[in-house]
Each structure stands twice: as structure tokens, then as C-alpha cells.
N, C-alpha and C. Protein backbone atom coordinates (compact mmCIF):
# COMPACT_ATOMS: atom_id res chain seq x y z
N UNK A 1 0.84 -1.18 0.00
CA UNK A 1 0.00 0.00 0.00
C UNK A 1 0.88 1.24 0.00
N UNK A 2 0.70 2.18 -0.95
CA UNK A 2 1.55 3.35 -1.01
C UNK A 2 1.29 4.31 0.15
N UNK A 3 2.33 5.02 0.54
CA UNK A 3 2.20 6.03 1.60
C UNK A 3 1.53 7.25 1.00
N UNK A 4 0.28 7.49 1.34
CA UNK A 4 -0.46 8.60 0.75
C UNK A 4 -0.43 9.84 1.63
N UNK A 5 0.45 9.87 2.60
CA UNK A 5 0.49 10.99 3.53
C UNK A 5 1.58 12.00 3.20
N UNK A 6 1.95 12.10 1.94
CA UNK A 6 2.93 13.12 1.57
C UNK A 6 2.56 13.75 0.24
N UNK A 7 3.21 14.88 -0.02
CA UNK A 7 3.01 15.61 -1.27
C UNK A 7 4.38 15.94 -1.85
N UNK A 8 4.45 16.03 -3.16
CA UNK A 8 5.67 16.44 -3.85
C UNK A 8 5.43 17.84 -4.42
N UNK A 9 6.30 18.76 -4.06
CA UNK A 9 6.22 20.12 -4.57
C UNK A 9 7.35 20.34 -5.57
N UNK A 10 7.01 20.68 -6.79
CA UNK A 10 8.00 20.97 -7.83
C UNK A 10 8.12 22.48 -8.00
N UNK A 11 9.34 22.92 -8.26
CA UNK A 11 9.62 24.34 -8.45
C UNK A 11 10.37 24.54 -9.76
N UNK A 12 10.38 25.78 -10.24
CA UNK A 12 11.03 26.08 -11.51
C UNK A 12 12.55 26.14 -11.40
N UNK A 13 13.07 26.46 -10.21
CA UNK A 13 14.52 26.56 -10.05
C UNK A 13 14.96 25.91 -8.74
N UNK A 14 16.21 25.52 -8.70
CA UNK A 14 16.77 24.98 -7.46
C UNK A 14 16.80 26.06 -6.39
N UNK A 15 16.95 27.31 -6.82
CA UNK A 15 16.92 28.43 -5.88
C UNK A 15 15.59 28.46 -5.13
N UNK A 16 14.49 28.24 -5.84
CA UNK A 16 13.18 28.21 -5.20
C UNK A 16 13.03 27.02 -4.25
N UNK A 17 13.62 25.90 -4.61
CA UNK A 17 13.61 24.73 -3.72
C UNK A 17 14.33 25.08 -2.41
N UNK A 18 15.48 25.71 -2.52
CA UNK A 18 16.27 26.06 -1.34
C UNK A 18 15.59 27.14 -0.51
N UNK A 19 14.95 28.10 -1.16
CA UNK A 19 14.18 29.13 -0.43
C UNK A 19 13.04 28.48 0.34
N UNK A 20 12.36 27.54 -0.30
CA UNK A 20 11.26 26.83 0.35
C UNK A 20 11.77 26.05 1.55
N UNK A 21 12.89 25.35 1.37
CA UNK A 21 13.45 24.59 2.48
C UNK A 21 13.77 25.49 3.67
N UNK A 22 14.33 26.64 3.41
CA UNK A 22 14.67 27.58 4.48
C UNK A 22 13.42 28.00 5.26
N UNK A 23 12.35 28.31 4.55
CA UNK A 23 11.10 28.71 5.19
C UNK A 23 10.51 27.56 5.99
N UNK A 24 10.49 26.37 5.40
CA UNK A 24 9.92 25.21 6.08
C UNK A 24 10.70 24.87 7.35
N UNK A 25 12.02 24.97 7.29
CA UNK A 25 12.84 24.73 8.49
C UNK A 25 12.52 25.75 9.57
N UNK A 26 12.40 27.01 9.17
CA UNK A 26 12.12 28.10 10.11
C UNK A 26 10.81 27.84 10.86
N UNK A 27 9.84 27.26 10.18
CA UNK A 27 8.52 27.02 10.77
C UNK A 27 8.34 25.57 11.25
N UNK A 28 9.44 24.82 11.31
CA UNK A 28 9.42 23.43 11.79
C UNK A 28 8.40 22.56 11.05
N UNK A 29 8.35 22.72 9.73
CA UNK A 29 7.45 21.93 8.89
C UNK A 29 8.19 20.68 8.43
N UNK A 30 7.59 19.52 8.64
CA UNK A 30 8.22 18.25 8.25
C UNK A 30 8.32 18.16 6.72
N UNK A 31 9.55 17.94 6.24
CA UNK A 31 9.79 17.86 4.79
C UNK A 31 11.14 17.21 4.53
N UNK A 32 11.38 16.89 3.26
CA UNK A 32 12.69 16.39 2.79
C UNK A 32 12.95 16.98 1.42
N UNK A 33 14.21 17.17 1.09
CA UNK A 33 14.58 17.46 -0.30
C UNK A 33 14.90 16.12 -0.94
N UNK A 34 14.26 15.85 -2.07
CA UNK A 34 14.44 14.57 -2.76
C UNK A 34 14.58 14.82 -4.25
N UNK A 35 15.16 13.88 -4.99
CA UNK A 35 15.19 14.01 -6.45
C UNK A 35 13.77 14.00 -7.01
N UNK A 36 13.55 14.75 -8.07
CA UNK A 36 12.24 14.77 -8.72
C UNK A 36 11.93 13.37 -9.24
N UNK A 37 10.80 12.80 -8.86
CA UNK A 37 10.44 11.46 -9.36
C UNK A 37 10.31 11.46 -10.89
N UNK A 38 10.82 10.43 -11.53
CA UNK A 38 10.81 10.33 -13.00
C UNK A 38 9.41 10.35 -13.58
N UNK A 39 8.43 9.86 -12.83
CA UNK A 39 7.06 9.87 -13.35
C UNK A 39 6.45 11.27 -13.37
N UNK A 40 7.10 12.23 -12.72
CA UNK A 40 6.59 13.60 -12.70
C UNK A 40 7.34 14.51 -13.66
N UNK A 41 8.62 14.24 -13.88
CA UNK A 41 9.41 15.08 -14.78
C UNK A 41 10.66 14.33 -15.23
N UNK A 42 11.02 14.51 -16.48
CA UNK A 42 12.24 13.89 -16.98
C UNK A 42 13.46 14.76 -16.71
N UNK A 43 13.22 16.00 -16.27
CA UNK A 43 14.33 16.88 -15.91
C UNK A 43 14.98 16.38 -14.63
N UNK A 44 16.29 16.55 -14.57
CA UNK A 44 16.94 16.21 -13.31
C UNK A 44 16.75 17.40 -12.38
N UNK A 45 16.74 17.15 -11.12
CA UNK A 45 16.56 18.24 -10.17
C UNK A 45 16.04 17.75 -8.84
N UNK A 46 15.83 18.69 -7.97
CA UNK A 46 15.36 18.39 -6.62
C UNK A 46 13.96 18.97 -6.44
N UNK A 47 13.25 18.38 -5.49
CA UNK A 47 11.92 18.86 -5.15
C UNK A 47 11.75 18.71 -3.64
N UNK A 48 10.63 19.17 -3.15
CA UNK A 48 10.32 19.08 -1.73
C UNK A 48 9.26 18.00 -1.53
N UNK A 49 9.57 17.05 -0.66
CA UNK A 49 8.60 16.04 -0.24
C UNK A 49 8.03 16.53 1.09
N UNK A 50 6.78 16.89 1.06
CA UNK A 50 6.12 17.49 2.22
C UNK A 50 5.33 16.43 2.96
N UNK A 51 5.64 16.25 4.23
CA UNK A 51 4.92 15.26 5.04
C UNK A 51 4.04 15.93 6.07
N UNK A 52 3.79 17.22 5.89
CA UNK A 52 2.93 17.98 6.79
C UNK A 52 1.64 18.34 6.08
N UNK A 53 0.77 19.03 6.79
CA UNK A 53 -0.51 19.46 6.25
C UNK A 53 -0.30 20.45 5.11
N UNK A 54 -0.74 20.11 3.93
CA UNK A 54 -0.54 20.94 2.74
C UNK A 54 -1.23 22.28 2.87
N UNK A 55 -2.48 22.30 3.31
CA UNK A 55 -3.25 23.54 3.39
C UNK A 55 -2.65 24.54 4.37
N UNK A 56 -2.02 24.05 5.42
CA UNK A 56 -1.38 24.94 6.39
C UNK A 56 0.00 25.39 5.92
N UNK A 57 0.62 24.61 5.05
CA UNK A 57 1.97 24.91 4.60
C UNK A 57 2.00 25.87 3.42
N UNK A 58 1.09 25.74 2.49
CA UNK A 58 1.11 26.57 1.28
C UNK A 58 1.14 28.07 1.57
N UNK A 59 0.39 28.58 2.55
CA UNK A 59 0.48 30.02 2.82
C UNK A 59 1.89 30.47 3.25
N UNK A 60 2.65 29.59 3.87
CA UNK A 60 4.00 29.95 4.30
C UNK A 60 4.92 30.21 3.11
N UNK A 61 4.65 29.53 2.00
CA UNK A 61 5.53 29.64 0.82
C UNK A 61 4.81 30.31 -0.35
N UNK A 62 3.81 31.12 -0.05
CA UNK A 62 2.99 31.72 -1.10
C UNK A 62 3.76 32.68 -2.00
N UNK A 63 4.88 33.21 -1.54
CA UNK A 63 5.68 34.12 -2.36
C UNK A 63 6.55 33.38 -3.38
N UNK A 64 6.59 32.06 -3.30
CA UNK A 64 7.41 31.25 -4.21
C UNK A 64 6.49 30.53 -5.19
N UNK A 65 6.79 30.66 -6.48
CA UNK A 65 5.95 30.03 -7.49
C UNK A 65 6.19 28.52 -7.54
N UNK A 66 5.12 27.78 -7.36
CA UNK A 66 5.19 26.32 -7.39
C UNK A 66 4.87 25.84 -8.80
N UNK A 67 5.72 25.00 -9.35
CA UNK A 67 5.51 24.47 -10.71
C UNK A 67 4.46 23.37 -10.71
N UNK A 68 4.31 22.67 -9.60
CA UNK A 68 3.32 21.61 -9.51
C UNK A 68 3.31 21.00 -8.12
N UNK A 69 2.15 20.51 -7.75
CA UNK A 69 2.00 19.83 -6.47
C UNK A 69 1.28 18.52 -6.74
N UNK A 70 1.85 17.43 -6.24
CA UNK A 70 1.34 16.09 -6.51
C UNK A 70 1.17 15.32 -5.22
N UNK A 71 0.17 14.45 -5.19
CA UNK A 71 0.03 13.58 -4.03
C UNK A 71 0.96 12.38 -4.19
N UNK A 72 0.93 11.49 -3.22
CA UNK A 72 1.84 10.34 -3.21
C UNK A 72 1.64 9.41 -4.39
N UNK A 73 0.46 9.44 -4.99
CA UNK A 73 0.17 8.58 -6.14
C UNK A 73 0.48 9.26 -7.48
N UNK A 74 1.01 10.48 -7.42
CA UNK A 74 1.38 11.19 -8.64
C UNK A 74 0.25 12.01 -9.26
N UNK A 75 -0.85 12.16 -8.55
CA UNK A 75 -1.98 12.95 -9.05
C UNK A 75 -1.72 14.43 -8.84
N UNK A 76 -1.84 15.21 -9.91
CA UNK A 76 -1.62 16.66 -9.84
C UNK A 76 -2.75 17.29 -9.04
N UNK A 77 -2.41 18.03 -7.99
CA UNK A 77 -3.45 18.62 -7.15
C UNK A 77 -3.34 20.13 -7.01
N UNK A 78 -2.30 20.75 -7.55
CA UNK A 78 -2.18 22.21 -7.44
C UNK A 78 -1.47 22.75 -8.65
């Protein structure tokens, strides 16, 4: 059974990934930096795996443009 309790946040630049990480750390939001899953993008790069409440987290990073948000099953949700 897949772990459906996380989200993958994709960004346009690694700079945005690192900015997001800094904000999430500041607010003690559970997350990891992980390679972008191949089923979401063929580009190499990093993304944020969010294991916290998405609705509470998105306002914290509202100044950063998100390229895509996916659930654990790869469904585009944002």
C-alpha cells in the first residue's frame, strides 16, 4: 500500500527549492529534499517532499511560485 500521507512540490529553479526549504525549516514543517520522481518530470533536479498538512503549509511559501504539487500517487493537485 503506497504512503499517501505526503506531497511532492515541484519548483522552476533549485533556488526556489532552497528558499522553500529555508522557510519550512524556520517554521518546523516536516519535509525532505528529494530528487524529482521520474514519473513527474524527466528533468533532473530536486523537489520538496512534504509530510505535513498541505493547506497549512502553502500560505508559508505563497511568495514562491510552485511548478506543480502532486500527491503520493502522482496525481496533480495544485
